[in-house]
Protein backbone atom coordinates (compact mmCIF):
# COMPACT_ATOMS: atom_id res chain seq x y z
CA MET A 1 6.12 34.30 -3.19
CA THR A 2 5.95 32.61 -6.61
CA ALA A 3 8.85 30.30 -5.78
CA SER A 4 7.20 29.07 -2.59
CA LEU A 5 3.88 28.59 -4.42
CA ASP A 6 5.67 26.62 -7.14
CA ALA A 7 7.41 24.52 -4.48
CA ALA A 8 4.10 23.82 -2.74
CA ARG A 9 2.49 22.78 -6.04
CA THR A 10 5.46 20.55 -6.86
CA ARG A 11 5.31 18.95 -3.41
CA THR A 12 1.54 18.40 -3.71
CA ALA A 13 1.97 16.81 -7.14
CA ALA A 14 4.71 14.52 -5.77
CA PHE A 15 2.49 13.40 -2.87
CA ARG A 16 -0.39 12.68 -5.25
CA ALA A 17 1.88 10.69 -7.56
CA ALA A 18 3.24 8.70 -4.63
CA ALA A 19 -0.31 7.97 -3.42
CA ARG A 20 -1.29 6.71 -6.90
CA ILE A 21 1.76 4.43 -7.01
CA TRP A 22 1.02 3.12 -3.49
CA ARG A 23 -2.63 2.45 -4.43
CA HIS A 24 -1.58 0.69 -7.63
CA GLY A 25 0.76 -1.56 -5.64
CA LEU A 26 -1.94 -2.40 -3.11
CA ASP A 27 -4.41 -3.19 -5.88
CA ALA A 28 -1.87 -5.44 -7.62
CA MET A 29 -1.15 -7.32 -4.38
CA ASP A 30 -4.87 -7.64 -3.61
CA HIS A 31 -5.36 -9.51 -6.90
CA GLN A 32 -3.00 -12.21 -5.64
CA SER A 33 -3.83 -14.88 -3.11
CA THR A 34 -2.46 -14.14 0.36
CA ALA A 35 0.06 -16.97 -0.09
CA ASP A 36 1.28 -15.54 -3.42
CA ALA A 37 1.46 -12.03 -1.94
CA ALA A 38 3.47 -13.36 1.02
CA ARG A 39 5.91 -15.09 -1.34
CA ALA A 40 6.25 -11.88 -3.39
CA CYS A 41 7.04 -9.87 -0.25
CA HIS A 42 9.35 -12.39 1.42
CA GLN A 43 12.95 -11.32 1.92
CA PRO A 44 15.67 -13.57 3.40
CA GLY A 45 16.20 -12.64 7.04
CA GLY A 46 12.81 -10.94 7.24
CA PRO A 47 9.50 -12.16 8.60
CA SER A 48 8.58 -15.77 7.83
CA LEU A 49 6.12 -16.62 5.06
CA ASP A 50 3.57 -17.57 7.73
CA GLU A 51 3.98 -14.22 9.49
CA LEU A 52 3.67 -12.33 6.20
CA HIS A 53 0.56 -14.35 5.34
CA GLN A 54 -0.99 -13.39 8.70
CA ARG A 55 -0.07 -9.71 8.28
CA ILE A 56 -1.45 -9.56 4.74
CA THR A 57 -4.67 -11.28 5.83
CA ALA A 58 -5.09 -8.82 8.72
CA ASP A 59 -4.30 -5.82 6.51
CA ARG A 60 -6.85 -6.88 3.92
CA ALA A 61 -9.50 -7.40 6.59
CA ASP A 62 -8.77 -3.97 8.13
CA ARG A 63 -8.97 -2.23 4.77
CA ALA A 64 -12.19 -4.06 3.88
CA SER A 65 -13.84 -3.04 7.16
CA SER A 66 -12.65 0.56 6.67
CA ARG A 67 -14.22 0.63 3.22
CA ARG A 68 -17.49 -0.77 4.59
CA ALA A 69 -17.50 1.81 7.41
CA ALA A 70 -16.87 4.63 4.94
CA ALA A 71 -19.72 3.52 2.66
């Protein structure tokens, strides 16, 4: 029983750490212009800069409306 409880606590701690890292990354990207964020995310062979710019703009708008709805 103790081993499974320890494993559950370890798993929970790992999920929380991953969520903090994800949030930190989002916050860092949100401090950039959408053009700068698109350039930072661009990978050869991946979506174009214009497509990334559109996706980032849409993502930011969705997250902003979610925050307003939650408030």
